[in-house]
C-alpha cells in the first residue's frame, strides 16, 4: 500500500472574498435594469385574449344581420348579453391569469370560477317556455340542425381556444391544467355567444346542447391541453 499523502491533512484554503468596491460593482451590474413595477405581460396577454371572442361575436353578428336578416330586437338583446358575459370573461382573465404564477389567487378559487362560469351560462339558457320534448329534439330536422350547429360552434371555439393557448404558451409552471381550463372558457364563450346570435333556433334543448355544452367541453379540453402547452 502506498503511504498516505501528508498534503491530504492540509485544510482546503477558503476562497478570497471580493473587496467592497468589487461587490458593489457586481450588485450594480446585476440590478441595473430591474424595476419595482409589476410586469405588464400578463395584462397584455389578457387584453389580447379578449380580442378573440369580441371579434368572433362581432363577425357572427354582422353575418346574422346581413345574410340572415335577424330581427333588430333579437340582435340587440344578443349583443347586450354578449357585453355582460364579456365583463364576466374579462374579470375571469384578470383574476385567474393576468397576475403572474405564484401570486395568483388560490387554486380552489380559480377552479370554482372555471366550473361556475359554464354552469351559470347553462342555467341561464334554460327557458321552459321555449322547450320542446326531448324526443322531438333528437329526431328529424331538429337533430340534424343541432348536430350541424354544435359542430360549427365547437370548431369555431376550438380555433379560438387554440389561438389563446398559443398566446399563453409556456407561461404557467405551477397550474397549467387549471390555466388551460380558463383559456378554454375564452374560446367556448366567444363561440357560444356568437352562435347564439347567428343561429336561428332559440329552442331550449338546442341552445343548451349545441351552444352551452360546447362551452363546458372546451373548458375540459382546455384543461387537458394546458398541461402540454402551458407548462414551460
Protein backbone atom coordinates (compact mmCIF):
# COMPACT_ATOMS: atom_id res chain seq x y z
CA UNK A 1 0.00 0.00 0.00
CA UNK A 2 1.12 3.49 -0.75
CA UNK A 3 1.84 5.80 2.12
CA UNK A 4 -0.77 8.48 2.92
CA UNK A 5 -0.03 11.77 1.27
CA UNK A 6 0.65 14.35 4.01
CA UNK A 7 -0.98 17.01 1.86
CA UNK A 8 -4.34 15.29 2.47
CA UNK A 9 -4.39 16.64 6.03
CA UNK A 10 -3.89 20.24 4.98
CA UNK A 11 -7.21 22.18 5.17
CA UNK A 12 -8.60 23.48 1.88
CA UNK A 13 -7.99 27.22 1.65
CA UNK A 14 -11.07 29.45 1.72
CA UNK A 15 -11.66 31.50 -1.44
CA UNK A 16 -10.74 35.11 -1.10
CA UNK A 17 -13.77 37.36 -0.85
CA UNK A 18 -14.01 40.29 -3.31
CA UNK A 19 -13.40 43.74 -1.97
CA UNK A 20 -16.30 46.02 -1.02
CA UNK A 21 -15.83 48.08 -4.19
CA UNK A 22 -15.93 44.95 -6.37
CA UNK A 23 -19.04 43.66 -4.59
CA UNK A 24 -20.76 47.00 -5.15
CA UNK A 25 -19.96 46.90 -8.87
CA UNK A 26 -21.33 43.36 -9.16
CA UNK A 27 -24.59 44.34 -7.40
CA UNK A 28 -24.94 47.44 -9.55
CA UNK A 29 -24.40 45.46 -12.75
CA UNK A 30 -26.94 42.78 -11.80
CA UNK A 31 -29.67 45.19 -10.68
CA UNK A 32 -29.16 47.98 -13.21
CA UNK A 33 -32.27 47.27 -15.31
CA UNK A 34 -34.50 45.88 -12.58
CA UNK A 35 -37.69 47.76 -11.73
CA UNK A 36 -40.08 47.63 -8.80
CA UNK A 37 -43.02 47.94 -11.18
CA UNK A 38 -45.15 44.85 -11.85
CA UNK A 39 -44.63 43.16 -15.21
CA UNK A 40 -47.47 44.03 -17.57
CA UNK A 41 -47.03 40.94 -19.74
CA UNK A 42 -49.97 39.13 -18.12
CA UNK A 43 -52.28 42.09 -18.53
CA UNK A 44 -51.30 42.49 -22.18
CA UNK A 45 -51.98 38.83 -22.84
CA UNK A 46 -55.34 39.08 -21.06
CA UNK A 47 -56.33 42.07 -23.20
CA UNK A 48 -55.26 40.29 -26.39
CA UNK A 49 -57.16 37.18 -25.30
CA UNK A 50 -60.37 39.21 -25.08
CA UNK A 51 -59.98 40.21 -28.72
CA UNK A 52 -60.67 36.62 -29.83
CA UNK A 53 -64.27 36.39 -28.52
CA UNK A 54 -65.02 40.06 -29.23
CA UNK A 55 -64.03 39.75 -32.89
CA UNK A 56 -65.87 36.42 -33.25
CA UNK A 57 -69.11 37.80 -31.80
CA UNK A 58 -68.78 40.88 -33.99
CA UNK A 59 -68.27 38.86 -37.17
CA UNK A 60 -71.13 36.46 -36.44
CA UNK A 61 -73.43 39.37 -35.57
CA UNK A 62 -72.55 41.08 -38.85
CA UNK A 63 -73.25 37.87 -40.79
CA UNK A 64 -76.54 37.38 -38.94
CA UNK A 65 -77.71 40.91 -39.76
CA UNK A 66 -76.51 40.92 -43.39
CA UNK A 67 -77.36 37.42 -44.60
CA UNK A 68 -79.96 36.10 -42.18
CA UNK A 69 -81.74 39.41 -41.63
CA UNK A 70 -82.07 38.81 -37.90
CA UNK A 71 -84.64 41.00 -36.18
CA UNK A 72 -83.12 44.13 -34.65
CA UNK A 73 -84.57 43.31 -31.24
CA UNK A 74 -83.02 39.83 -31.19
CA UNK A 75 -79.70 41.21 -32.38
CA UNK A 76 -79.74 43.97 -29.78
CA UNK A 77 -80.62 41.60 -26.92
CA UNK A 78 -77.91 39.20 -28.06
CA UNK A 79 -75.30 41.95 -28.07
CA UNK A 80 -76.41 43.15 -24.62
CA UNK A 81 -75.96 39.62 -23.32
CA UNK A 82 -72.58 39.36 -25.03
CA UNK A 83 -71.42 42.58 -23.35
CA UNK A 84 -72.48 41.26 -19.94
CA UNK A 85 -70.65 37.97 -20.42
CA UNK A 86 -67.64 39.82 -21.80
CA UNK A 87 -67.38 41.59 -18.45
CA UNK A 88 -67.51 38.22 -16.66
CA UNK A 89 -64.89 36.82 -19.00
CA UNK A 90 -62.66 39.86 -18.55
CA UNK A 91 -62.82 39.53 -14.77
CA UNK A 92 -62.02 35.83 -15.10
CA UNK A 93 -58.90 36.63 -17.09
CA UNK A 94 -57.81 39.36 -14.68
CA UNK A 95 -58.28 37.21 -11.57
CA UNK A 96 -57.17 33.89 -13.00
CA UNK A 97 -54.43 34.77 -15.47
CA UNK A 98 -53.23 38.38 -15.54
CA UNK A 99 -51.41 38.00 -12.22
CA UNK A 100 -48.05 36.16 -12.50
CA UNK A 101 -47.93 32.47 -11.41
CA UNK A 102 -47.20 32.12 -7.72
CA UNK A 103 -49.10 35.31 -6.90
CA UNK A 104 -52.47 34.29 -8.29
CA UNK A 105 -55.45 33.51 -6.02
CA UNK A 106 -55.72 30.04 -4.54
CA UNK A 107 -56.30 27.22 -6.99
CA UNK A 108 -59.62 26.39 -5.29
CA UNK A 109 -61.00 29.82 -6.18
CA UNK A 110 -59.80 29.56 -9.77
CA UNK A 111 -61.28 26.06 -10.12
CA UNK A 112 -64.56 27.41 -8.73
CA UNK A 113 -64.55 30.08 -11.45
CA UNK A 114 -63.77 27.51 -14.15
CA UNK A 115 -66.76 25.40 -13.04
CA UNK A 116 -69.19 28.18 -12.11
CA UNK A 117 -68.99 30.20 -15.33
CA UNK A 118 -70.17 27.43 -17.70
CA UNK A 119 -72.67 26.16 -15.09
CA UNK A 120 -74.31 29.58 -14.74
CA UNK A 121 -74.24 30.03 -18.52
CA UNK A 122 -76.12 26.73 -18.97
CA UNK A 123 -78.65 27.58 -16.26
CA UNK A 124 -79.45 30.93 -17.87
CA UNK A 125 -80.08 29.20 -21.20
CA UNK A 126 -82.88 27.09 -19.72
CA UNK A 127 -86.27 28.52 -20.66
CA UNK A 128 -89.14 26.04 -20.14
CA UNK A 129 -91.44 28.22 -22.26
CA UNK A 130 -89.26 27.58 -25.34
CA UNK A 131 -88.59 23.88 -24.70
CA UNK A 132 -89.96 21.16 -26.93
CA UNK A 133 -89.96 17.50 -25.99
CA UNK A 134 -86.59 15.79 -25.88
CA UNK A 135 -87.87 13.14 -28.28
CA UNK A 136 -88.68 15.82 -30.86
CA UNK A 137 -85.28 17.43 -30.34
CA UNK A 138 -83.40 14.18 -31.01
CA UNK A 139 -85.21 13.24 -34.23
CA UNK A 140 -85.57 14.57 -37.76
CA UNK A 141 -84.58 18.05 -38.84
CA UNK A 142 -84.19 19.27 -35.23
CA UNK A 143 -81.47 16.72 -34.53
CA UNK A 144 -79.68 17.41 -37.81
CA UNK A 145 -79.67 21.13 -37.14
CA UNK A 146 -78.43 20.59 -33.57
CA UNK A 147 -75.52 18.43 -34.76
CA UNK A 148 -74.61 20.87 -37.53
CA UNK A 149 -74.83 23.94 -35.28
CA UNK A 150 -72.97 22.22 -32.44
CA UNK A 151 -70.20 21.18 -34.84
CA UNK A 152 -69.76 24.72 -36.13
CA UNK A 153 -69.83 26.11 -32.60
CA UNK A 154 -67.21 23.59 -31.46
CA UNK A 155 -64.86 24.21 -34.40
CA UNK A 156 -65.05 28.00 -34.00
CA UNK A 157 -64.47 27.72 -30.25
CA UNK A 158 -61.60 25.26 -30.69
CA UNK A 159 -59.85 27.61 -33.13
CA UNK A 160 -60.18 30.49 -30.69
CA UNK A 161 -59.04 28.40 -27.73
CA UNK A 162 -56.01 27.20 -29.70
CA UNK A 163 -55.05 30.77 -30.58
CA UNK A 164 -55.34 31.87 -26.96
CA UNK A 165 -53.33 28.84 -25.83
CA UNK A 166 -50.51 29.79 -28.18
CA UNK A 167 -50.62 33.33 -26.79
CA UNK A 168 -50.07 31.98 -23.25
CA UNK A 169 -47.79 29.09 -24.23
CA UNK A 170 -45.13 28.20 -21.66
CA UNK A 171 -46.26 30.79 -19.09
CA UNK A 172 -47.54 28.64 -16.21
CA UNK A 173 -45.16 26.20 -14.49
CA UNK A 174 -47.45 25.70 -11.47
CA UNK A 175 -51.05 25.05 -12.59
CA UNK A 176 -51.05 24.65 -16.40
CA UNK A 177 -54.16 22.45 -16.41
CA UNK A 178 -56.22 24.99 -14.47
CA UNK A 179 -54.99 27.85 -16.64
CA UNK A 180 -55.84 25.81 -19.74
CA UNK A 181 -59.41 25.32 -18.48
CA UNK A 182 -59.81 29.08 -18.03
CA UNK A 183 -58.43 29.68 -21.52
CA UNK A 184 -60.84 27.09 -22.90
CA UNK A 185 -63.62 29.24 -21.48
CA UNK A 186 -62.46 32.13 -23.66
CA UNK A 187 -62.93 30.24 -26.90
CA UNK A 188 -66.05 28.44 -25.74
CA UNK A 189 -67.75 31.60 -24.51
CA UNK A 190 -66.98 33.56 -27.67
CA UNK A 191 -68.29 30.77 -29.86
CA UNK A 192 -71.44 30.17 -27.78
CA UNK A 193 -72.32 33.87 -27.66
CA UNK A 194 -71.68 34.40 -31.36
CA UNK A 195 -73.68 31.35 -32.40
CA UNK A 196 -76.47 32.40 -30.04
CA UNK A 197 -76.91 35.48 -32.24
CA UNK A 198 -76.28 33.82 -35.60
CA UNK A 199 -78.25 30.60 -35.03
CA UNK A 200 -81.96 30.82 -35.97
CA UNK A 201 -83.04 28.36 -33.25
CA UNK A 202 -83.67 29.54 -29.70
CA UNK A 203 -85.29 26.31 -28.51
CA UNK A 204 -84.05 25.39 -25.04
CA UNK A 205 -82.67 21.92 -25.77
CA UNK A 206 -80.87 23.25 -28.82
CA UNK A 207 -79.14 26.20 -27.14
CA UNK A 208 -78.20 24.11 -24.08
CA UNK A 209 -76.72 21.20 -26.02
CA UNK A 210 -75.41 22.81 -29.21
CA UNK A 211 -74.16 26.02 -27.57
CA UNK A 212 -73.84 25.58 -23.81
CA UNK A 213 -72.38 22.06 -23.72
CA UNK A 214 -69.76 23.16 -26.26
CA UNK A 215 -68.60 25.83 -23.80
CA UNK A 216 -68.25 23.28 -21.00
CA UNK A 217 -66.48 20.74 -23.24
CA UNK A 218 -63.93 23.30 -24.43
CA UNK A 219 -63.13 24.19 -20.81
CA UNK A 220 -62.47 20.49 -20.11
CA UNK A 221 -60.39 20.04 -23.26
CA UNK A 222 -58.53 23.27 -22.48
CA UNK A 223 -57.54 21.82 -19.11
CA UNK A 224 -56.12 18.74 -20.81
CA UNK A 225 -54.30 20.73 -23.48
CA UNK A 226 -52.96 23.21 -20.95
CA UNK A 227 -50.79 20.59 -19.27
CA UNK A 228 -48.90 20.18 -22.53
CA UNK A 229 -48.89 23.70 -23.95
CA UNK A 230 -48.72 26.00 -20.94
CA UNK A 231 -46.02 24.35 -18.85
CA UNK A 232 -42.50 25.68 -19.67
